[in-house]
Amino acid sequence: MNTDHIYIIAEAGVNHNGDVDVAIQLIDKAAEAGADAVKFQMFDADELTGEDAPLAEYQKHSGQTSQREMLHALTLTEDDFTKLSNYTKQKEIDFIVTPFDTNSAQFLASLNVPAIKIPSGEITHLSFLEKVATLGIPVILSTGTCNLEEVDDAVQIFKAAGIDLSILHCTSSYPAPYDQINLRVMDTLSKKFGVPVGLSDHSEGITVPIAAAALGAKIIEKHFTLDRTMDGPDHKASLEPHELTAMIEGIRQAESALGSSEKVIQPAEANTASVARRSTVAVQDIAAGEKLSTENTALKRPGTGIPPKEYESVMQKTAQENIAAGTPITHDMLT
């Protein structure tokens, strides 16, 4: 994972609808948009859910009647994931996957993925986290539906194993209401755990991810789809490709704007400073040998002469050359 800049994960998730060719199209769009990584989800539907596990409200867009039925329709095979992993290498974009069970995690380790994402729903599944920690792969931990104590329980497992860990603040609602996103939690997590912190965002639009970048997020993840009108649980709360591109451009601009904490005149301001500031200017013709006074000088634009804070100190100094009215006066004109 490249941490030289904000690491942006385009979350394809299950928006391939179980079709590996659609997944390849999603990789193309993520790469074109400038994302650092594209992320999918890997699960065993029968291991993950009970036979009659109900759908969450947002999952009812899938058209299925139970979670198990929905997940079977969204499953990709190990061969599919191998194909996608190889394709991301061609497109020069990182391939990250969220496993929901140990077998999936172990398979992903065999693909040498750069990181494993722990989903919010598994953060209290501590025995699973312990098995993931044994793989030695960097982990990105999502924290939706969690309180701070639950996050701490998970973090300690990975810290004890010496795992390279990042944490994503998350509000697991699809879409997430703006007044329940609480971006300031990122600072809480950063101070408490001392690891890179970012945002897994489920809000509508691109405002929140850009705000997260301005607040110092190190990783930003956002769902995207080829078409929001497609059937499936996550399409409606996902960005379309042109929106993903706009989000990434906005994040990069916000990141650039953070700049330095040092307050100095910037190169882009130099011209403005020279014309907008006042400085010592001759308001009458001043002959060589004549002393400066408040009658023959004043503080006016442009700002290329002696600055206002030095104005009093140069009064009574002598012009060593003729100075025409309207000329900014500089030190080398005086004795």
Protein backbone atom coordinates (compact mmCIF):
# COMPACT_ATOMS: atom_id res chain seq x y z
CA MET A 1 0.00 0.00 0.00
CA ASN A 2 1.32 3.43 -0.97
CA THR A 3 1.05 5.72 2.04
CA ASP A 4 2.80 8.72 0.47
CA HIS A 5 -0.64 10.25 -0.06
CA ILE A 6 -4.23 9.61 0.98
CA TYR A 7 -4.91 6.02 -0.01
CA ILE A 8 -8.20 5.82 -1.89
CA ILE A 9 -10.06 2.52 -2.07
CA ALA A 10 -12.79 2.17 -4.70
CA GLU A 11 -15.14 -0.31 -3.03
CA ALA A 12 -16.64 -2.50 -5.73
CA GLY A 13 -17.89 -4.86 -3.03
CA VAL A 14 -20.58 -7.07 -4.50
CA ASN A 15 -21.63 -4.59 -7.18
CA HIS A 16 -20.51 -7.13 -9.79
CA ASN A 17 -23.77 -9.03 -9.06
CA GLY A 18 -21.90 -12.34 -9.19
CA ASP A 19 -20.55 -11.73 -12.71
CA VAL A 20 -16.76 -11.73 -13.03
CA ASP A 21 -16.93 -9.78 -16.30
CA VAL A 22 -18.77 -6.98 -14.51
CA ALA A 23 -16.08 -7.13 -11.82
CA ILE A 24 -13.44 -6.59 -14.51
CA GLN A 25 -15.35 -3.55 -15.75
CA LEU A 26 -15.37 -2.21 -12.19
CA ILE A 27 -11.59 -2.62 -12.02
CA ASP A 28 -11.27 -0.67 -15.26
CA LYS A 29 -13.40 2.18 -13.90
CA ALA A 30 -11.54 2.30 -10.59
CA ALA A 31 -8.20 2.50 -12.39
CA GLU A 32 -9.47 5.16 -14.79
CA ALA A 33 -10.75 7.25 -11.88
CA GLY A 34 -7.32 7.23 -10.23
CA ALA A 35 -8.05 5.05 -7.21
CA ASP A 36 -5.12 3.41 -5.42
CA ALA A 37 -7.03 0.17 -4.86
CA VAL A 38 -10.19 -1.62 -5.86
CA LYS A 39 -11.85 -3.80 -3.24
CA PHE A 40 -14.18 -6.79 -3.42
CA GLN A 41 -15.79 -9.10 -0.86
CA MET A 42 -15.26 -12.86 -0.50
CA PHE A 43 -17.57 -15.10 1.52
CA ASP A 44 -19.14 -18.51 1.86
CA ALA A 45 -22.87 -17.76 1.95
CA ASP A 46 -23.74 -20.95 3.86
CA GLU A 47 -21.01 -20.40 6.47
CA LEU A 48 -21.87 -16.72 6.93
CA THR A 49 -25.65 -16.79 7.32
CA GLY A 50 -28.39 -18.90 8.79
CA GLU A 51 -30.88 -20.27 6.31
CA ASP A 52 -33.54 -17.70 7.15
CA ALA A 53 -31.36 -14.75 8.17
CA PRO A 54 -33.40 -11.64 7.26
CA LEU A 55 -32.30 -8.90 4.92
CA ALA A 56 -31.29 -5.49 6.26
CA GLU A 57 -33.45 -2.66 4.96
CA TYR A 58 -30.89 -1.56 2.39
CA GLN A 59 -30.43 -5.19 1.21
CA LYS A 60 -34.06 -5.45 0.18
CA HIS A 61 -33.05 -3.79 -3.08
CA SER A 62 -31.39 -7.10 -3.99
CA GLY A 63 -34.67 -8.74 -4.98
CA GLN A 64 -34.00 -11.80 -2.76
CA THR A 65 -35.93 -12.86 0.33
CA SER A 66 -33.08 -13.85 2.67
CA GLN A 67 -29.44 -13.00 3.21
CA ARG A 68 -28.32 -16.48 2.19
CA GLU A 69 -30.24 -16.33 -1.08
CA MET A 70 -28.85 -12.84 -1.77
CA LEU A 71 -25.24 -13.84 -1.02
CA HIS A 72 -25.39 -16.95 -3.19
CA ALA A 73 -26.35 -14.67 -6.09
CA LEU A 74 -23.39 -12.40 -5.34
CA THR A 75 -20.69 -15.07 -4.91
CA LEU A 76 -17.52 -15.21 -7.00
CA THR A 77 -15.34 -18.33 -7.13
CA GLU A 78 -11.70 -18.70 -6.16
CA ASP A 79 -10.87 -18.87 -9.86
CA ASP A 80 -12.73 -15.59 -10.33
CA PHE A 81 -10.70 -13.94 -7.59
CA THR A 82 -7.46 -15.25 -9.07
CA LYS A 83 -8.48 -13.79 -12.42
CA LEU A 84 -9.32 -10.43 -10.83
CA SER A 85 -6.07 -10.35 -8.89
CA ASN A 86 -4.06 -10.92 -12.07
CA TYR A 87 -6.08 -8.29 -13.92
CA THR A 88 -5.44 -5.61 -11.28
CA LYS A 89 -1.71 -6.15 -11.76
CA GLN A 90 -2.16 -5.37 -15.46
CA LYS A 91 -4.11 -2.23 -14.56
CA GLU A 92 -1.52 -1.23 -11.89
CA ILE A 93 -4.08 -0.89 -9.13
CA ASP A 94 -4.00 -2.65 -5.74
CA PHE A 95 -6.34 -5.59 -5.19
CA ILE A 96 -7.89 -5.66 -1.72
CA VAL A 97 -10.59 -8.07 -0.59
CA THR A 98 -12.78 -8.33 2.49
CA PRO A 99 -12.99 -11.96 3.68
CA PHE A 100 -15.87 -13.00 5.91
CA ASP A 101 -14.43 -16.36 6.97
CA THR A 102 -11.10 -18.03 7.66
CA ASN A 103 -10.95 -20.08 4.46
CA SER A 104 -11.47 -16.97 2.36
CA ALA A 105 -8.78 -15.12 4.31
CA GLN A 106 -6.31 -17.95 3.83
CA PHE A 107 -7.04 -18.08 0.12
CA LEU A 108 -6.46 -14.33 -0.18
CA ALA A 109 -3.12 -14.74 1.56
CA SER A 110 -2.15 -17.17 -1.22
CA LEU A 111 -2.84 -14.35 -3.72
CA ASN A 112 -0.40 -12.06 -1.88
CA VAL A 113 -2.96 -9.30 -1.48
CA PRO A 114 -1.40 -6.09 -0.08
CA ALA A 115 -4.00 -5.89 2.70
CA ILE A 116 -7.05 -7.60 4.11
CA LYS A 117 -10.06 -5.50 5.06
CA ILE A 118 -12.01 -6.57 8.14
CA PRO A 119 -15.67 -5.61 7.68
CA SER A 120 -17.59 -3.86 10.42
CA GLY A 121 -19.87 -6.84 10.90
CA GLU A 122 -16.96 -9.12 11.84
CA ILE A 123 -15.20 -6.82 14.29
CA THR A 124 -16.66 -8.62 17.33
CA HIS A 125 -15.84 -12.05 15.82
CA LEU A 126 -12.60 -12.18 17.78
CA SER A 127 -11.66 -15.78 16.99
CA PHE A 128 -11.81 -14.88 13.27
CA LEU A 129 -9.64 -11.82 13.85
CA GLU A 130 -7.08 -13.95 15.68
CA LYS A 131 -6.85 -16.30 12.67
CA VAL A 132 -6.47 -13.37 10.27
CA ALA A 133 -3.70 -12.00 12.47
CA THR A 134 -1.70 -15.22 12.02
CA LEU A 135 -1.49 -14.57 8.27
CA GLY A 136 0.90 -11.66 8.76
CA ILE A 137 -0.85 -9.48 6.19
CA PRO A 138 -1.55 -5.75 6.76
CA VAL A 139 -5.09 -5.20 8.00
CA ILE A 140 -7.57 -2.38 7.46
CA LEU A 141 -10.15 -2.52 10.24
CA SER A 142 -13.60 -1.03 9.64
CA THR A 143 -15.46 0.09 12.76
CA GLY A 144 -19.12 0.60 11.84
CA THR A 145 -21.73 -0.35 14.49
CA CYS A 146 -18.95 -0.33 17.13
CA ASN A 147 -18.26 1.47 20.36
CA LEU A 148 -14.72 2.32 21.40
CA GLU A 149 -14.37 -0.71 23.68
CA GLU A 150 -15.24 -3.08 20.83
CA VAL A 151 -12.72 -1.37 18.58
CA ASP A 152 -10.10 -1.71 21.31
CA ASP A 153 -10.74 -5.45 21.65
CA ALA A 154 -10.08 -5.92 17.93
CA VAL A 155 -7.08 -3.59 17.78
CA GLN A 156 -5.29 -5.39 20.60
CA ILE A 157 -5.42 -8.67 18.68
CA PHE A 158 -3.61 -7.19 15.71
CA LYS A 159 -1.18 -5.14 17.78
CA ALA A 160 -0.24 -8.21 19.81
CA ALA A 161 0.52 -10.04 16.57
CA GLY A 162 2.59 -7.14 15.23
CA ILE A 163 0.26 -6.61 12.27
CA ASP A 164 0.52 -3.42 10.21
CA LEU A 165 -2.89 -1.96 11.11
CA SER A 166 -5.06 0.89 9.84
CA ILE A 167 -8.49 1.81 11.18
CA LEU A 168 -11.46 3.21 9.29
CA HIS A 169 -14.19 5.13 11.05
CA CYS A 170 -17.53 4.09 9.60
CA THR A 171 -21.26 4.62 10.05
CA SER A 172 -22.90 1.44 8.81
CA SER A 173 -26.09 2.85 7.35
CA TYR A 174 -26.83 2.89 3.62
CA PRO A 175 -26.93 5.78 3.03
CA ALA A 176 -25.49 7.19 6.25
CA PRO A 177 -27.20 10.38 7.52
CA TYR A 178 -24.80 13.33 7.52
CA ASP A 179 -25.58 14.18 11.15
CA GLN A 180 -24.56 10.67 12.27
CA ILE A 181 -21.23 10.42 10.45
CA ASN A 182 -19.18 12.19 13.15
CA LEU A 183 -15.92 12.70 11.29
CA ARG A 184 -14.27 13.93 14.49
CA VAL A 185 -14.18 10.30 15.65
CA MET A 186 -11.20 9.86 13.32
CA ASP A 187 -9.17 12.07 15.66
CA THR A 188 -10.36 10.04 18.67
CA LEU A 189 -9.23 6.79 17.03
CA SER A 190 -5.91 8.27 15.95
CA LYS A 191 -5.05 9.55 19.42
CA LYS A 192 -6.11 6.37 21.20
CA PHE A 193 -4.52 3.77 18.93
CA GLY A 194 -1.64 5.59 17.23
CA VAL A 195 -2.19 4.00 13.81
CA PRO A 196 -3.24 5.45 10.45
CA VAL A 197 -6.93 6.33 10.51
CA GLY A 198 -9.38 7.05 7.72
CA LEU A 199 -13.00 6.76 6.66
CA SER A 200 -15.19 4.12 5.11
CA ASP A 201 -17.98 6.33 3.83
CA HIS A 202 -21.58 5.39 3.10
CA SER A 203 -23.06 8.88 2.78
CA GLU A 204 -24.64 10.18 -0.40
CA GLY A 205 -22.42 12.21 -2.70
CA ILE A 206 -18.77 13.16 -2.36
CA THR A 207 -18.81 15.95 0.25
CA VAL A 208 -18.01 13.75 3.26
CA PRO A 209 -14.93 12.00 1.79
CA ILE A 210 -13.47 15.36 0.76
CA ALA A 211 -14.14 16.73 4.25
CA ALA A 212 -12.44 13.64 5.71
CA ALA A 213 -9.39 14.36 3.58
CA ALA A 214 -9.29 17.92 4.91
CA LEU A 215 -9.44 16.55 8.46
CA GLY A 216 -6.43 14.35 7.88
CA ALA A 217 -7.80 10.94 6.83
CA LYS A 218 -5.02 8.64 5.63
CA ILE A 219 -7.35 6.17 3.86
CA ILE A 220 -10.73 6.80 2.26
CA GLU A 221 -13.03 4.06 1.01
CA LYS A 222 -16.19 4.60 -0.99
CA HIS A 223 -18.62 2.23 -2.75
CA PHE A 224 -19.02 2.62 -6.49
CA THR A 225 -21.01 0.90 -9.21
CA LEU A 226 -21.32 0.90 -12.96
CA ASP A 227 -24.96 1.98 -12.70
CA ARG A 228 -26.98 2.89 -9.60
CA THR A 229 -30.17 1.51 -11.15
CA MET A 230 -28.83 -2.08 -11.25
CA ASP A 231 -30.45 -4.66 -9.00
CA GLY A 232 -28.47 -5.48 -5.87
CA PRO A 233 -28.07 -4.38 -2.25
CA ASP A 234 -25.35 -1.75 -2.58
CA HIS A 235 -25.91 -0.03 -5.93
CA LYS A 236 -28.25 2.68 -4.66
CA ALA A 237 -25.74 3.90 -2.05
CA SER A 238 -22.79 3.81 -4.49
CA LEU A 239 -21.14 6.39 -6.72
CA GLU A 240 -21.23 6.00 -10.48
CA PRO A 241 -17.87 6.14 -12.31
CA HIS A 242 -17.98 9.86 -13.14
CA GLU A 243 -18.78 10.62 -9.49
CA LEU A 244 -15.90 8.43 -8.32
CA THR A 245 -13.58 10.40 -10.58
CA ALA A 246 -14.91 13.69 -9.17
CA MET A 247 -14.48 12.44 -5.61
CA ILE A 248 -10.88 11.42 -6.18
CA GLU A 249 -10.09 14.75 -7.84
CA GLY A 250 -11.66 16.56 -4.88
CA ILE A 251 -9.70 14.49 -2.35
CA ARG A 252 -6.44 15.14 -4.17
CA GLN A 253 -7.19 18.88 -4.26
CA ALA A 254 -8.04 18.91 -0.54
CA GLU A 255 -4.88 16.93 0.20
CA SER A 256 -2.78 19.39 -1.78
CA ALA A 257 -4.46 22.34 -0.06
CA LEU A 258 -3.49 21.02 3.40
CA GLY A 259 0.11 21.90 2.57
CA SER A 260 2.42 23.19 5.30
CA SER A 261 1.65 24.52 8.78
CA GLU A 262 4.27 27.27 8.32
CA LYS A 263 2.75 30.74 7.77
CA VAL A 264 4.86 32.40 5.08
CA ILE A 265 4.16 34.39 1.95
CA GLN A 266 3.49 31.89 -0.83
CA PRO A 267 5.01 32.22 -4.31
CA ALA A 268 1.52 32.67 -5.76
CA GLU A 269 0.99 35.71 -3.50
CA ALA A 270 4.12 37.60 -4.51
CA ASN A 271 2.51 39.64 -7.28
CA THR A 272 -0.55 40.42 -5.16
CA ALA A 273 1.65 41.59 -2.29
CA SER A 274 3.63 43.88 -4.59
CA VAL A 275 0.52 45.67 -5.87
CA ALA A 276 -1.95 45.44 -2.96
CA ARG A 277 0.28 46.53 -0.08
CA ARG A 278 1.31 50.11 0.69
CA SER A 279 4.89 51.32 0.82
CA THR A 280 6.82 54.60 0.95
CA VAL A 281 6.12 56.59 -2.24
CA ALA A 282 7.24 60.06 -3.31
CA VAL A 283 4.23 62.40 -3.59
CA GLN A 284 6.38 65.30 -4.81
CA ASP A 285 9.54 65.43 -6.89
CA ILE A 286 12.41 64.98 -4.46
CA ALA A 287 15.79 66.38 -5.47
CA ALA A 288 19.08 64.65 -4.73
CA GLY A 289 20.26 65.85 -1.28
CA GLU A 290 16.72 66.65 -0.11
CA LYS A 291 15.45 65.04 3.08
CA LEU A 292 12.38 62.84 3.17
CA SER A 293 9.40 64.19 5.06
CA THR A 294 5.71 63.57 5.55
CA GLU A 295 5.12 66.38 3.04
CA ASN A 296 7.03 64.81 0.13
CA THR A 297 6.25 61.14 0.89
CA ALA A 298 3.23 59.02 1.83
CA LEU A 299 2.23 55.40 2.25
CA LYS A 300 0.56 54.33 -0.98
CA ARG A 301 0.38 51.42 -3.36
CA PRO A 302 2.33 49.66 -4.83
CA GLY A 303 4.12 47.72 -2.12
CA THR A 304 7.56 47.68 -3.73
CA GLY A 305 9.06 50.50 -1.66
CA ILE A 306 10.08 50.76 1.99
CA PRO A 307 7.33 49.05 4.05
CA PRO A 308 4.99 50.94 6.43
CA LYS A 309 6.64 49.63 9.60
CA GLU A 310 9.90 51.39 8.55
CA TYR A 311 8.26 54.61 7.39
CA GLU A 312 8.97 56.69 10.50
CA SER A 313 12.57 55.47 10.66
CA VAL A 314 13.41 56.77 7.15
CA MET A 315 11.95 60.22 7.64
CA GLN A 316 14.76 62.80 7.56
CA LYS A 317 16.97 60.48 5.51
CA THR A 318 18.43 62.08 2.41
CA ALA A 319 17.75 61.25 -1.21
CA GLN A 320 21.00 60.42 -3.00
CA GLU A 321 19.35 60.82 -6.42
CA ASN A 322 16.45 62.67 -7.95
CA ILE A 323 13.18 60.86 -7.17
CA ALA A 324 10.16 61.63 -9.33
CA ALA A 325 6.71 61.97 -7.79
CA GLY A 326 4.89 58.64 -7.79
CA THR A 327 8.08 56.57 -7.43
CA PRO A 328 8.24 53.89 -4.71
CA ILE A 329 11.23 54.74 -2.53
CA THR A 330 13.71 51.99 -1.68
CA HIS A 331 16.64 51.99 0.75
CA ASP A 332 19.24 52.18 -2.02
CA MET A 333 17.86 55.61 -3.02
CA LEU A 334 18.70 57.05 0.42
CA THR A 335 21.69 57.91 2.54
